[in-house]
N, C-alpha and C. Protein backbone atom coordinates (compact mmCIF):
# COMPACT_ATOMS: atom_id res chain seq x y z
N UNK A 1 82.56 45.87 84.27
CA UNK A 1 83.66 45.65 83.53
C UNK A 1 84.41 47.06 82.58
N UNK A 2 82.97 47.67 82.14
CA UNK A 2 83.24 48.85 81.44
C UNK A 2 83.39 49.93 82.29
N UNK A 3 82.98 50.19 83.26
CA UNK A 3 83.65 50.96 84.10
C UNK A 3 85.03 51.16 84.80
N UNK A 4 85.35 50.07 85.08
CA UNK A 4 86.78 49.46 85.36
C UNK A 4 87.53 49.93 84.07
N UNK A 5 87.69 49.82 82.93
CA UNK A 5 88.19 49.79 81.82
C UNK A 5 88.32 51.20 81.60
N UNK A 6 87.17 52.08 81.63
CA UNK A 6 86.90 53.54 81.78
C UNK A 6 87.85 54.28 82.80
N UNK A 7 87.84 53.88 84.05
CA UNK A 7 88.68 54.25 85.06
C UNK A 7 90.34 53.99 85.09
N UNK A 8 90.76 52.89 84.43
CA UNK A 8 91.90 52.57 84.17
C UNK A 8 92.23 53.33 83.01
N UNK A 9 91.71 53.55 81.97
CA UNK A 9 92.10 54.54 80.83
C UNK A 9 92.42 55.98 81.52
N UNK A 10 91.47 56.62 82.26
CA UNK A 10 91.43 57.62 83.08
C UNK A 10 92.76 57.82 83.53
N UNK A 11 93.23 56.87 84.46
CA UNK A 11 94.18 56.82 85.28
C UNK A 11 95.60 56.81 84.69
N UNK A 12 95.41 56.13 83.74
CA UNK A 12 96.77 55.77 82.84
C UNK A 12 97.15 57.35 82.04
N UNK A 13 96.18 58.29 82.07
CA UNK A 13 96.45 59.61 81.01
C UNK A 13 96.73 60.79 82.33
N UNK A 14 96.75 60.63 83.47
CA UNK A 14 97.35 61.28 84.27
C UNK A 14 99.05 61.43 84.70
N UNK A 15 100.05 60.38 84.31
CA UNK A 15 101.21 60.65 84.26
C UNK A 15 101.77 61.38 83.01
N UNK A 16 100.65 60.96 81.95
CA UNK A 16 101.30 61.89 80.88
C UNK A 16 100.96 63.42 80.63
N UNK A 17 99.88 63.57 81.42
CA UNK A 17 99.15 64.88 81.70
C UNK A 17 100.13 65.59 82.45
N UNK A 18 101.01 65.23 83.71
CA UNK A 18 101.63 65.51 84.62
C UNK A 18 102.91 65.82 83.79
N UNK A 19 103.58 65.01 82.97
CA UNK A 19 104.56 65.22 82.24
C UNK A 19 104.64 66.57 81.39
N UNK A 20 103.23 66.40 80.60
CA UNK A 20 103.15 67.72 79.98
C UNK A 20 102.99 68.91 80.42
N UNK A 21 102.25 69.02 81.08
CA UNK A 21 102.34 70.22 82.16
C UNK A 21 103.77 70.71 82.88
N UNK A 22 104.48 69.66 83.22
CA UNK A 22 105.75 69.96 83.86
C UNK A 22 106.71 70.57 82.39
N UNK A 23 106.53 69.90 81.23
CA UNK A 23 107.24 70.40 80.32
C UNK A 23 106.68 72.06 80.07
N UNK A 24 105.67 72.05 80.00
CA UNK A 24 105.04 73.66 79.79
C UNK A 24 105.55 74.41 80.67
N UNK A 25 105.84 74.18 82.11
CA UNK A 25 106.31 74.98 82.87
C UNK A 25 107.52 75.12 82.91
N UNK A 26 108.44 74.30 82.39
CA UNK A 26 110.07 74.40 82.48
C UNK A 26 110.13 75.39 81.19
N UNK A 27 109.19 74.98 80.34
CA UNK A 27 109.27 76.06 78.78
C UNK A 27 108.85 77.15 79.13
N UNK A 28 108.25 77.63 80.16
CA UNK A 28 107.71 78.98 80.40
C UNK A 28 108.70 79.72 81.57
N UNK A 29 109.28 78.87 81.91
CA UNK A 29 110.47 79.57 83.05
C UNK A 29 111.93 79.61 82.04
N UNK A 30 112.13 79.05 81.58
CA UNK A 30 113.29 79.24 80.54
C UNK A 30 113.40 80.17 79.19
N UNK A 31 111.71 80.33 78.80
CA UNK A 31 111.66 81.26 77.88
C UNK A 31 111.68 82.71 78.51
N UNK A 32 111.30 82.74 79.62
CA UNK A 32 111.29 84.29 80.36
C UNK A 32 112.48 84.63 80.72
N UNK A 33 113.25 83.55 81.00
CA UNK A 33 114.84 83.79 81.09
C UNK A 33 115.83 84.29 80.29
N UNK A 34 115.38 83.52 79.00
CA UNK A 34 116.02 83.84 77.69
C UNK A 34 115.53 85.16 77.01
N UNK A 35 114.48 85.61 77.03
CA UNK A 35 113.88 86.63 76.68
C UNK A 35 114.68 87.95 77.35
N UNK A 36 115.03 87.66 78.84
CA UNK A 36 115.65 88.96 79.43
C UNK A 36 117.01 88.87 79.40
N UNK A 37 117.44 87.91 78.89
CA UNK A 37 119.03 87.70 78.79
C UNK A 37 119.14 88.39 77.51
N UNK A 38 118.29 88.03 76.71
CA UNK A 38 118.66 88.28 74.94
C UNK A 38 118.41 90.07 75.09
N UNK A 39 117.21 90.37 75.91
CA UNK A 39 116.82 92.03 75.95
C UNK A 39 118.03 92.74 76.17
N UNK A 40 118.66 92.63 77.11
CA UNK A 40 119.81 93.46 77.79
C UNK A 40 120.99 93.05 77.07
N UNK A 41 121.32 91.61 76.47
CA UNK A 41 122.24 91.93 75.44
C UNK A 41 121.65 92.75 74.01
N UNK A 42 120.70 92.84 73.64
CA UNK A 42 120.67 93.62 72.24
C UNK A 42 120.34 95.23 72.96
N UNK A 43 119.92 95.66 74.38
CA UNK A 43 120.08 96.91 74.72
C UNK A 43 121.56 97.26 74.73
N UNK A 44 122.66 96.57 75.31
CA UNK A 44 124.32 96.78 75.32
C UNK A 44 124.55 96.80 73.77
N UNK A 45 124.25 96.16 73.06
CA UNK A 45 124.52 96.55 71.65
C UNK A 45 124.38 97.50 70.92
N UNK A 46 122.94 98.10 71.27
CA UNK A 46 122.27 99.25 70.79
C UNK A 46 123.28 100.63 71.37
N UNK A 47 123.45 100.43 72.61
CA UNK A 47 123.85 101.62 73.57
C UNK A 47 125.60 101.68 72.76
N UNK A 48 126.14 100.54 72.71
CA UNK A 48 127.47 100.55 72.09
C UNK A 48 127.78 101.37 70.54
N UNK A 49 126.88 100.83 69.61
CA UNK A 49 126.70 101.61 68.58
C UNK A 49 126.22 103.11 68.79
N UNK A 50 126.11 103.40 69.70
CA UNK A 50 125.41 104.86 69.95
C UNK A 50 124.26 105.34 70.24
N UNK A 51 123.37 104.69 70.51
CA UNK A 51 121.94 104.80 70.66
C UNK A 51 121.84 105.20 71.90
N UNK A 52 120.49 106.29 72.24
CA UNK A 52 120.46 106.60 73.43
C UNK A 52 119.88 105.35 74.70
N UNK A 53 120.06 105.15 75.55
CA UNK A 53 119.53 104.27 76.84
C UNK A 53 118.26 104.22 76.50
N UNK A 54 117.22 105.39 76.47
CA UNK A 54 115.65 105.38 76.54
C UNK A 54 115.56 104.55 75.39
N UNK A 55 115.67 104.83 74.07
CA UNK A 55 115.73 104.22 72.78
C UNK A 55 115.99 103.01 72.69
N UNK A 56 117.13 102.20 73.38
CA UNK A 56 117.36 100.97 73.26
C UNK A 56 116.59 100.35 74.03
N UNK A 57 115.89 100.52 75.28
CA UNK A 57 115.05 100.32 76.17
C UNK A 57 113.77 99.90 75.20
N UNK A 58 113.26 100.99 74.51
CA UNK A 58 112.09 101.08 73.96
C UNK A 58 111.95 99.97 72.63
N UNK A 59 113.26 99.44 72.25
CA UNK A 59 113.39 99.13 71.21
C UNK A 59 113.30 97.46 71.39
N UNK A 60 113.78 97.26 72.93
CA UNK A 60 114.11 95.85 73.26
C UNK A 60 113.02 95.38 73.92
N UNK A 61 111.87 96.53 74.36
CA UNK A 61 110.87 96.02 74.83
C UNK A 61 109.62 94.87 73.95
N UNK A 62 110.36 95.12 72.59
CA UNK A 62 109.81 94.20 71.61
C UNK A 62 109.86 92.78 71.82
N UNK A 63 110.95 92.37 72.32
CA UNK A 63 111.18 91.11 72.64
C UNK A 63 109.91 90.56 73.89
N UNK A 64 109.70 91.16 74.56
CA UNK A 64 108.94 91.11 75.96
C UNK A 64 107.24 90.88 74.99
N UNK A 65 107.06 91.83 74.41
CA UNK A 65 106.03 91.77 73.76
C UNK A 65 105.86 90.45 72.88
N UNK A 66 106.58 90.04 71.97
CA UNK A 66 106.64 88.94 71.16
C UNK A 66 106.54 87.88 72.44
N UNK A 67 107.02 87.60 73.33
CA UNK A 67 106.96 86.55 74.23
C UNK A 67 105.56 86.61 74.99
N UNK A 68 105.21 88.03 75.27
CA UNK A 68 103.75 87.64 75.60
C UNK A 68 102.52 87.23 74.88
N UNK A 69 102.72 87.57 73.08
CA UNK A 69 102.17 86.98 72.49
C UNK A 69 101.94 85.55 72.21
N UNK A 70 103.34 84.88 72.39
CA UNK A 70 103.79 83.34 72.08
C UNK A 70 103.06 82.94 73.24
N UNK A 71 103.11 83.44 74.19
CA UNK A 71 102.61 82.39 75.26
C UNK A 71 101.03 82.68 75.50
N UNK A 72 100.33 83.87 75.21
CA UNK A 72 98.92 83.84 74.91
C UNK A 72 98.45 83.30 73.75
N UNK A 73 99.13 82.93 72.62
CA UNK A 73 98.90 82.23 71.63
C UNK A 73 98.64 80.65 71.88
N UNK A 74 99.83 80.43 72.89
CA UNK A 74 99.61 78.90 73.41
C UNK A 74 98.83 78.72 74.47
N UNK A 75 98.35 79.54 75.03
CA UNK A 75 97.40 79.51 76.39
C UNK A 75 95.95 79.24 75.22
N UNK A 76 95.77 80.07 74.48
CA UNK A 76 94.26 80.04 73.69
C UNK A 76 94.24 78.77 72.77
N UNK A 77 95.43 78.20 72.33
CA UNK A 77 95.40 77.13 71.81
C UNK A 77 95.04 75.94 72.63
N UNK A 78 95.39 75.57 73.86
CA UNK A 78 95.23 75.06 74.89
C UNK A 78 93.46 74.91 75.10
N UNK A 79 92.89 76.13 75.30
CA UNK A 79 91.70 76.24 75.55
C UNK A 79 90.60 75.77 74.80
N UNK A 80 91.23 76.12 73.63
CA UNK A 80 90.06 75.68 72.48
C UNK A 80 90.26 74.18 72.20
């Protein structure tokens, strides 16, 4: 009886876990796309204001660094 309940409890977790992992994967995909889009728009605005292209790229790289820090923090929190 006890083994059956434990098995059923574990099996009921899998749909929720699959949904959570799917949501996290979707978040990862959309975050990556939005960071690229934001980075390009930021570079265009800086160049439009008279900044050199190299400096604009260097400044917009901070968006990618921020995204990487965010994702590594999320992964660290899931591991512990």
